Every structure is written in structure tokens, then in C-alpha cells.
Amino acid sequence: MYNMPAKRLHLAGTATLGPKGQVVIPADVREKMSISPGDKLIVLYVEDKQSVAFVTETQAQEIINHFDTHVTALRDAIKD
């Protein structure tokens, strides 16, 4: 599992789970993430920590592109 340096992990406030399972992300976090009502977020569940994290679709695509670059480099290295 990827270990995030502690200095990059911040307590961002609290959220209350509503009766329909909805969670309101604190306004300052929404501002830092540059998200607005209606934006789609990817929900990640970290089983061993019983935690959730949200990333924007754009962030998720950037992560996928980053992995693709490394997978392609690895595949090319193996071919040689």
C-alpha cells in the first residue's frame, strides 16, 4: 500500500452522513479541490484503514496516465 507522507495529510473538518448516505465535503476542501456542485468524484475505499478518499475524475485520469507511462516504459524495457 502507498504510504502518504504525514505532512501531506490534513484534518479537513468533519462531515455528517445523511439519511440517504450523502456526505457534505467542507467548503474549504471543495475550494482547495476546485470542485463544484454536480462535479463527479471517484470514491476510493482503503479497506485496511476503513477509510474513504475522494479524487476528481481529472485527478483519476492523471493517475491512470502516469501509470500507463510507467507500464509502457517497463514493457519496452522487457522487450529489449
PDB file of N, CA and C in Angstrom:
ATOM      1  N   MET A   1       0.833  -1.184   0.000  1.00  0.00           N
ATOM      2  CA  MET A   1       0.000   0.000   0.000  1.00  0.00           C
ATOM      3  C   MET A   1       0.875   1.244   0.000  1.00  0.00           C
ATOM      4  N   TYR A   2       0.475   2.239  -0.727  1.00  0.00           N
ATOM      5  CA  TYR A   2       1.202   3.502  -0.811  1.00  0.00           C
ATOM      6  C   TYR A   2       1.097   4.232   0.512  1.00  0.00           C
ATOM      7  N   ASN A   3       2.216   4.672   1.059  1.00  0.00           N
ATOM      8  CA  ASN A   3       2.227   5.428   2.307  1.00  0.00           C
ATOM      9  C   ASN A   3       2.420   6.902   2.000  1.00  0.00           C
ATOM     10  N   MET A   4       1.394   7.705   2.292  1.00  0.00           N
ATOM     11  CA  MET A   4       1.452   9.133   2.052  1.00  0.00           C
ATOM     12  C   MET A   4       2.226   9.798   3.193  1.00  0.00           C
ATOM     13  N   PRO A   5       3.180  10.678   2.883  1.00  0.00           N
ATOM     14  CA  PRO A   5       3.889  11.381   3.940  1.00  0.00           C
ATOM     15  C   PRO A   5       2.902  12.135   4.826  1.00  0.00           C
ATOM     16  N   ALA A   6       3.130  12.117   6.137  1.00  0.00           N
ATOM     17  CA  ALA A   6       2.213  12.726   7.096  1.00  0.00           C
ATOM     18  C   ALA A   6       1.990  14.211   6.822  1.00  0.00           C
ATOM     19  N   LYS A   7       3.005  14.912   6.325  1.00  0.00           N
ATOM     20  CA  LYS A   7       2.853  16.352   6.101  1.00  0.00           C
ATOM     21  C   LYS A   7       1.841  16.667   4.998  1.00  0.00           C
ATOM     22  N   ARG A   8       1.480  15.702   4.185  1.00  0.00           N
ATOM     23  CA  ARG A   8       0.515  15.928   3.113  1.00  0.00           C
ATOM     24  C   ARG A   8      -0.892  15.507   3.501  1.00  0.00           C
ATOM     25  N   LEU A   9      -1.056  14.978   4.687  1.00  0.00           N
ATOM     26  CA  LEU A   9      -2.345  14.529   5.178  1.00  0.00           C
ATOM     27  C   LEU A   9      -2.828  15.528   6.218  1.00  0.00           C
ATOM     28  N   HIS A  10      -4.014  16.076   6.012  1.00  0.00           N
ATOM     29  CA  HIS A  10      -4.529  17.115   6.892  1.00  0.00           C
ATOM     30  C   HIS A  10      -5.922  16.763   7.385  1.00  0.00           C
ATOM     31  N   LEU A  11      -6.211  17.105   8.627  1.00  0.00           N
ATOM     32  CA  LEU A  11      -7.568  17.018   9.129  1.00  0.00           C
ATOM     33  C   LEU A  11      -8.329  18.160   8.489  1.00  0.00           C
ATOM     34  N   ALA A  12      -9.337  17.840   7.703  1.00  0.00           N
ATOM     35  CA  ALA A  12     -10.023  18.847   6.907  1.00  0.00           C
ATOM     36  C   ALA A  12     -11.358  19.275   7.501  1.00  0.00           C
ATOM     37  N   GLY A  13     -11.733  18.742   8.640  1.00  0.00           N
ATOM     38  CA  GLY A  13     -13.011  19.083   9.235  1.00  0.00           C
ATOM     39  C   GLY A  13     -13.817  17.821   9.449  1.00  0.00           C
ATOM     40  N   THR A  14     -15.087  17.996   9.694  1.00  0.00           N
ATOM     41  CA  THR A  14     -15.957  16.848   9.892  1.00  0.00           C
ATOM     42  C   THR A  14     -17.086  16.882   8.884  1.00  0.00           C
ATOM     43  N   ALA A  15     -17.669  15.728   8.656  1.00  0.00           N
ATOM     44  CA  ALA A  15     -18.815  15.610   7.759  1.00  0.00           C
ATOM     45  C   ALA A  15     -19.835  14.707   8.439  1.00  0.00           C
ATOM     46  N   THR A  16     -21.096  14.955   8.158  1.00  0.00           N
ATOM     47  CA  THR A  16     -22.170  14.139   8.715  1.00  0.00           C
ATOM     48  C   THR A  16     -22.801  13.334   7.593  1.00  0.00           C
ATOM     49  N   LEU A  17     -23.001  12.064   7.857  1.00  0.00           N
ATOM     50  CA  LEU A  17     -23.648  11.190   6.894  1.00  0.00           C
ATOM     51  C   LEU A  17     -25.155  11.389   6.987  1.00  0.00           C
ATOM     52  N   GLY A  18     -25.776  11.771   5.887  1.00  0.00           N
ATOM     53  CA  GLY A  18     -27.217  11.995   5.859  1.00  0.00           C
ATOM     54  C   GLY A  18     -27.983  10.690   5.697  1.00  0.00           C
ATOM     55  N   PRO A  19     -29.307  10.736   5.820  1.00  0.00           N
ATOM     56  CA  PRO A  19     -30.127   9.535   5.757  1.00  0.00           C
ATOM     57  C   PRO A  19     -30.056   8.794   4.415  1.00  0.00           C
ATOM     58  N   LYS A  20     -29.684   9.486   3.356  1.00  0.00           N
ATOM     59  CA  LYS A  20     -29.548   8.855   2.041  1.00  0.00           C
ATOM     60  C   LYS A  20     -28.103   8.478   1.728  1.00  0.00           C
ATOM     61  N   GLY A  21     -27.228   8.559   2.737  1.00  0.00           N
ATOM     62  CA  GLY A  21     -25.825   8.218   2.533  1.00  0.00           C
ATOM     63  C   GLY A  21     -25.006   9.347   1.949  1.00  0.00           C
ATOM     64  N   GLN A  22     -25.558  10.538   1.894  1.00  0.00           N
ATOM     65  CA  GLN A  22     -24.846  11.680   1.336  1.00  0.00           C
ATOM     66  C   GLN A  22     -23.896  12.282   2.363  1.00  0.00           C
ATOM     67  N   VAL A  23     -22.749  12.730   1.868  1.00  0.00           N
ATOM     68  CA  VAL A  23     -21.737  13.376   2.710  1.00  0.00           C
ATOM     69  C   VAL A  23     -21.469  14.760   2.123  1.00  0.00           C
ATOM     70  N   VAL A  24     -21.459  15.759   2.977  1.00  0.00           N
ATOM     71  CA  VAL A  24     -21.131  17.112   2.529  1.00  0.00           C
ATOM     72  C   VAL A  24     -19.650  17.344   2.793  1.00  0.00           C
ATOM     73  N   ILE A  25     -18.918  17.658   1.744  1.00  0.00           N
ATOM     74  CA  ILE A  25     -17.486  17.947   1.857  1.00  0.00           C
ATOM     75  C   ILE A  25     -17.348  19.392   2.329  1.00  0.00           C
ATOM     76  N   PRO A  26     -16.545  19.633   3.368  1.00  0.00           N
ATOM     77  CA  PRO A  26     -16.402  21.003   3.880  1.00  0.00           C
ATOM     78  C   PRO A  26     -16.024  21.992   2.773  1.00  0.00           C
ATOM     79  N   ALA A  27     -16.560  23.216   2.890  1.00  0.00           N
ATOM     80  CA  ALA A  27     -16.375  24.240   1.853  1.00  0.00           C
ATOM     81  C   ALA A  27     -14.907  24.518   1.548  1.00  0.00           C
ATOM     82  N   ASP A  28     -14.055  24.590   2.570  1.00  0.00           N
ATOM     83  CA  ASP A  28     -12.645  24.890   2.299  1.00  0.00           C
ATOM     84  C   ASP A  28     -11.968  23.769   1.527  1.00  0.00           C
ATOM     85  N   VAL A  29     -12.396  22.532   1.751  1.00  0.00           N
ATOM     86  CA  VAL A  29     -11.845  21.402   0.998  1.00  0.00           C
ATOM     87  C   VAL A  29     -12.338  21.454  -0.448  1.00  0.00           C
ATOM     88  N   ARG A  30     -13.628  21.754  -0.638  1.00  0.00           N
ATOM     89  CA  ARG A  30     -14.162  21.895  -2.004  1.00  0.00           C
ATOM     90  C   ARG A  30     -13.401  22.967  -2.773  1.00  0.00           C
ATOM     91  N   GLU A  31     -13.089  24.060  -2.077  1.00  0.00           N
ATOM     92  CA  GLU A  31     -12.344  25.146  -2.712  1.00  0.00           C
ATOM     93  C   GLU A  31     -10.937  24.691  -3.089  1.00  0.00           C
ATOM     94  N   LYS A  32     -10.249  24.003  -2.177  1.00  0.00           N
ATOM     95  CA  LYS A  32      -8.890  23.519  -2.454  1.00  0.00           C
ATOM     96  C   LYS A  32      -8.875  22.511  -3.594  1.00  0.00           C
ATOM     97  N   MET A  33      -9.954  21.704  -3.689  1.00  0.00           N
ATOM     98  CA  MET A  33     -10.042  20.692  -4.746  1.00  0.00           C
ATOM     99  C   MET A  33     -10.592  21.268  -6.049  1.00  0.00           C
ATOM    100  N   SER A  34     -11.044  22.508  -5.998  1.00  0.00           N
ATOM    101  CA  SER A  34     -11.673  23.170  -7.160  1.00  0.00           C
ATOM    102  C   SER A  34     -12.852  22.373  -7.678  1.00  0.00           C
ATOM    103  N   ILE A  35     -13.731  21.953  -6.762  1.00  0.00           N
ATOM    104  CA  ILE A  35     -14.923  21.210  -7.162  1.00  0.00           C
ATOM    105  C   ILE A  35     -16.169  22.027  -6.852  1.00  0.00           C
ATOM    106  N   SER A  36     -17.200  21.776  -7.646  1.00  0.00           N
ATOM    107  CA  SER A  36     -18.465  22.487  -7.529  1.00  0.00           C
ATOM    108  C   SER A  36     -19.608  21.483  -7.528  1.00  0.00           C
ATOM    109  N   PRO A  37     -20.804  21.918  -7.101  1.00  0.00           N
ATOM    110  CA  PRO A  37     -21.954  21.011  -7.156  1.00  0.00           C
ATOM    111  C   PRO A  37     -22.121  20.421  -8.553  1.00  0.00           C
ATOM    112  N   GLY A  38     -22.369  19.138  -8.602  1.00  0.00           N
ATOM    113  CA  GLY A  38     -22.547  18.439  -9.881  1.00  0.00           C
ATOM    114  C   GLY A  38     -21.286  17.780 -10.408  1.00  0.00           C
ATOM    115  N   ASP A  39     -20.109  18.157  -9.877  1.00  0.00           N
ATOM    116  CA  ASP A  39     -18.859  17.519 -10.316  1.00  0.00           C
ATOM    117  C   ASP A  39     -18.857  16.054  -9.893  1.00  0.00           C
ATOM    118  N   LYS A  40     -18.298  15.209 -10.724  1.00  0.00           N
ATOM    119  CA  LYS A  40     -18.194  13.785 -10.422  1.00  0.00           C
ATOM    120  C   LYS A  40     -16.888  13.518  -9.685  1.00  0.00           C
ATOM    121  N   LEU A  41     -16.968  12.726  -8.623  1.00  0.00           N
ATOM    122  CA  LEU A  41     -15.798  12.350  -7.851  1.00  0.00           C
ATOM    123  C   LEU A  41     -15.668  10.837  -7.836  1.00  0.00           C
ATOM    124  N   ILE A  42     -14.454  10.364  -7.844  1.00  0.00           N
ATOM    125  CA  ILE A  42     -14.161   8.951  -7.701  1.00  0.00           C
ATOM    126  C   ILE A  42     -13.999   8.698  -6.204  1.00  0.00           C
ATOM    127  N   VAL A  43     -14.665   7.674  -5.692  1.00  0.00           N
ATOM    128  CA  VAL A  43     -14.579   7.332  -4.282  1.00  0.00           C
ATOM    129  C   VAL A  43     -13.660   6.125  -4.138  1.00  0.00           C
ATOM    130  N   LEU A  44     -12.629   6.276  -3.336  1.00  0.00           N
ATOM    131  CA  LEU A  44     -11.687   5.197  -3.066  1.00  0.00           C
ATOM    132  C   LEU A  44     -11.921   4.704  -1.647  1.00  0.00           C
ATOM    133  N   TYR A  45     -11.920   3.390  -1.461  1.00  0.00           N
ATOM    134  CA  TYR A  45     -12.084   2.818  -0.129  1.00  0.00           C
ATOM    135  C   TYR A  45     -10.808   2.082   0.233  1.00  0.00           C
ATOM    136  N   VAL A  46     -10.212   2.442   1.358  1.00  0.00           N
ATOM    137  CA  VAL A  46      -8.994   1.804   1.847  1.00  0.00           C
ATOM    138  C   VAL A  46      -9.430   0.817   2.925  1.00  0.00           C
ATOM    139  N   GLU A  47      -9.511  -0.454   2.545  1.00  0.00           N
ATOM    140  CA  GLU A  47     -10.100  -1.465   3.409  1.00  0.00           C
ATOM    141  C   GLU A  47      -9.391  -1.613   4.746  1.00  0.00           C
ATOM    142  N   ASP A  48      -8.058  -1.718   4.735  1.00  0.00           N
ATOM    143  CA  ASP A  48      -7.358  -1.950   5.996  1.00  0.00           C
ATOM    144  C   ASP A  48      -7.434  -0.754   6.951  1.00  0.00           C
ATOM    145  N   LYS A  49      -7.740   0.415   6.424  1.00  0.00           N
ATOM    146  CA  LYS A  49      -7.892   1.620   7.255  1.00  0.00           C
ATOM    147  C   LYS A  49      -9.363   1.980   7.468  1.00  0.00           C
ATOM    148  N   GLN A  50     -10.271   1.263   6.790  1.00  0.00           N
ATOM    149  CA  GLN A  50     -11.700   1.561   6.800  1.00  0.00           C
ATOM    150  C   GLN A  50     -11.924   3.055   6.586  1.00  0.00           C
ATOM    151  N   SER A  51     -11.314   3.547   5.515  1.00  0.00           N
ATOM    152  CA  SER A  51     -11.346   4.972   5.199  1.00  0.00           C
ATOM    153  C   SER A  51     -11.769   5.177   3.753  1.00  0.00           C
ATOM    154  N   VAL A  52     -12.278   6.354   3.471  1.00  0.00           N
ATOM    155  CA  VAL A  52     -12.609   6.714   2.100  1.00  0.00           C
ATOM    156  C   VAL A  52     -11.839   7.966   1.713  1.00  0.00           C
ATOM    157  N   ALA A  53     -11.621   8.113   0.423  1.00  0.00           N
ATOM    158  CA  ALA A  53     -10.986   9.307  -0.123  1.00  0.00           C
ATOM    159  C   ALA A  53     -11.706   9.649  -1.419  1.00  0.00           C
ATOM    160  N   PHE A  54     -11.715  10.904  -1.741  1.00  0.00           N
ATOM    161  CA  PHE A  54     -12.340  11.370  -2.973  1.00  0.00           C
ATOM    162  C   PHE A  54     -11.285  11.972  -3.879  1.00  0.00           C
ATOM    163  N   VAL A  55     -11.339  11.650  -5.164  1.00  0.00           N
ATOM    164  CA  VAL A  55     -10.499  12.307  -6.161  1.00  0.00           C
ATOM    165  C   VAL A  55     -11.402  12.715  -7.314  1.00  0.00           C
ATOM    166  N   THR A  56     -11.035  13.792  -7.967  1.00  0.00           N
ATOM    167  CA  THR A  56     -11.814  14.233  -9.119  1.00  0.00           C
ATOM    168  C   THR A  56     -11.556  13.289 -10.292  1.00  0.00           C
ATOM    169  N   GLU A  57     -12.456  13.315 -11.247  1.00  0.00           N
ATOM    170  CA  GLU A  57     -12.245  12.497 -12.446  1.00  0.00           C
ATOM    171  C   GLU A  57     -10.953  12.889 -13.147  1.00  0.00           C
ATOM    172  N   THR A  58     -10.652  14.181 -13.156  1.00  0.00           N
ATOM    173  CA  THR A  58      -9.413  14.659 -13.782  1.00  0.00           C
ATOM    174  C   THR A  58      -8.202  14.089 -13.066  1.00  0.00           C
ATOM    175  N   GLN A  59      -8.213  14.112 -11.731  1.00  0.00           N
ATOM    176  CA  GLN A  59      -7.095  13.557 -10.966  1.00  0.00           C
ATOM    177  C   GLN A  59      -6.959  12.061 -11.242  1.00  0.00           C
ATOM    178  N   ALA A  60      -8.083  11.345 -11.295  1.00  0.00           N
ATOM    179  CA  ALA A  60      -8.035   9.910 -11.563  1.00  0.00           C
ATOM    180  C   ALA A  60      -7.426   9.644 -12.940  1.00  0.00           C
ATOM    181  N   GLN A  61      -7.807  10.454 -13.939  1.00  0.00           N
ATOM    182  CA  GLN A  61      -7.256  10.269 -15.283  1.00  0.00           C
ATOM    183  C   GLN A  61      -5.763  10.550 -15.302  1.00  0.00           C
ATOM    184  N   GLU A  62      -5.315  11.550 -14.543  1.00  0.00           N
ATOM    185  CA  GLU A  62      -3.883  11.849 -14.461  1.00  0.00           C
ATOM    186  C   GLU A  62      -3.119  10.689 -13.835  1.00  0.00           C
ATOM    187  N   ILE A  63      -3.702  10.063 -12.822  1.00  0.00           N
ATOM    188  CA  ILE A  63      -3.072   8.895 -12.189  1.00  0.00           C
ATOM    189  C   ILE A  63      -2.969   7.751 -13.193  1.00  0.00           C
ATOM    190  N   ILE A  64      -4.048   7.507 -13.933  1.00  0.00           N
ATOM    191  CA  ILE A  64      -4.052   6.442 -14.948  1.00  0.00           C
ATOM    192  C   ILE A  64      -2.997   6.724 -16.013  1.00  0.00           C
ATOM    193  N   ASN A  65      -2.912   7.958 -16.467  1.00  0.00           N
ATOM    194  CA  ASN A  65      -1.911   8.324 -17.478  1.00  0.00           C
ATOM    195  C   ASN A  65      -0.491   8.119 -16.944  1.00  0.00           C
ATOM    196  N   HIS A  66      -0.276   8.455 -15.678  1.00  0.00           N
ATOM    197  CA  HIS A  66       1.031   8.274 -15.050  1.00  0.00           C
ATOM    198  C   HIS A  66       1.403   6.787 -15.022  1.00  0.00           C
ATOM    199  N   PHE A  67       0.458   5.945 -14.598  1.00  0.00           N
ATOM    200  CA  PHE A  67       0.715   4.504 -14.576  1.00  0.00           C
ATOM    201  C   PHE A  67       0.973   3.968 -15.974  1.00  0.00           C
ATOM    202  N   ASP A  68       0.194   4.460 -16.944  1.00  0.00           N
ATOM    203  CA  ASP A  68       0.358   3.998 -18.328  1.00  0.00           C
ATOM    204  C   ASP A  68       1.760   4.294 -18.835  1.00  0.00           C
ATOM    205  N   THR A  69       2.281   5.469 -18.511  1.00  0.00           N
ATOM    206  CA  THR A  69       3.631   5.838 -18.920  1.00  0.00           C
ATOM    207  C   THR A  69       4.653   4.852 -18.361  1.00  0.00           C
ATOM    208  N   HIS A  70       4.490   4.508 -17.080  1.00  0.00           N
ATOM    209  CA  HIS A  70       5.434   3.588 -16.443  1.00  0.00           C
ATOM    210  C   HIS A  70       5.273   2.156 -16.948  1.00  0.00           C
ATOM    211  N   VAL A  71       4.039   1.746 -17.196  1.00  0.00           N
ATOM    212  CA  VAL A  71       3.805   0.400 -17.730  1.00  0.00           C
ATOM    213  C   VAL A  71       4.409   0.294 -19.133  1.00  0.00           C
ATOM    214  N   THR A  72       4.231   1.315 -19.931  1.00  0.00           N
ATOM    215  CA  THR A  72       4.794   1.310 -21.278  1.00  0.00           C
ATOM    216  C   THR A  72       6.315   1.248 -21.219  1.00  0.00           C
ATOM    217  N   ALA A  73       6.938   2.034 -20.335  1.00  0.00           N
ATOM    218  CA  ALA A  73       8.393   2.010 -20.189  1.00  0.00           C
ATOM    219  C   ALA A  73       8.873   0.645 -19.734  1.00  0.00           C
ATOM    220  N   LEU A  74       8.156   0.042 -18.811  1.00  0.00           N
ATOM    221  CA  LEU A  74       8.520  -1.292 -18.315  1.00  0.00           C
ATOM    222  C   LEU A  74       8.392  -2.319 -19.433  1.00  0.00           C
ATOM    223  N   ARG A  75       7.307  -2.257 -20.184  1.00  0.00           N
ATOM    224  CA  ARG A  75       7.105  -3.185 -21.288  1.00  0.00           C
ATOM    225  C   ARG A  75       8.212  -3.042 -22.331  1.00  0.00           C
ATOM    226  N   ASP A  76       8.588  -1.809 -22.632  1.00  0.00           N
ATOM    227  CA  ASP A  76       9.667  -1.562 -23.595  1.00  0.00           C
ATOM    228  C   ASP A  76      11.004  -2.093 -23.070  1.00  0.00           C
ATOM    229  N   ALA A  77      11.242  -1.949 -21.778  1.00  0.00           N
ATOM    230  CA  ALA A  77      12.491  -2.440 -21.174  1.00  0.00           C
ATOM    231  C   ALA A  77      12.560  -3.950 -21.213  1.00  0.00           C
ATOM    232  N   ILE A  78      11.421  -4.606 -21.029  1.00  0.00           N
ATOM    233  CA  ILE A  78      11.387  -6.066 -21.049  1.00  0.00           C
ATOM    234  C   ILE A  78      11.627  -6.596 -22.465  1.00  0.00           C
ATOM    235  N   LYS A  79      11.130  -5.879 -23.458  1.00  0.00           N
ATOM    236  CA  LYS A  79      11.292  -6.298 -24.859  1.00  0.00           C
ATOM    237  C   LYS A  79      12.755  -6.288 -25.279  1.00  0.00           C
ATOM    238  N   ASP A  80      13.545  -5.382 -24.718  1.00  0.00           N
ATOM    239  CA  ASP A  80      14.955  -5.224 -25.129  1.00  0.00           C
ATOM    240  C   ASP A  80      15.802  -6.372 -24.668  1.00  0.00           C
TER     241      ASP A  80
END
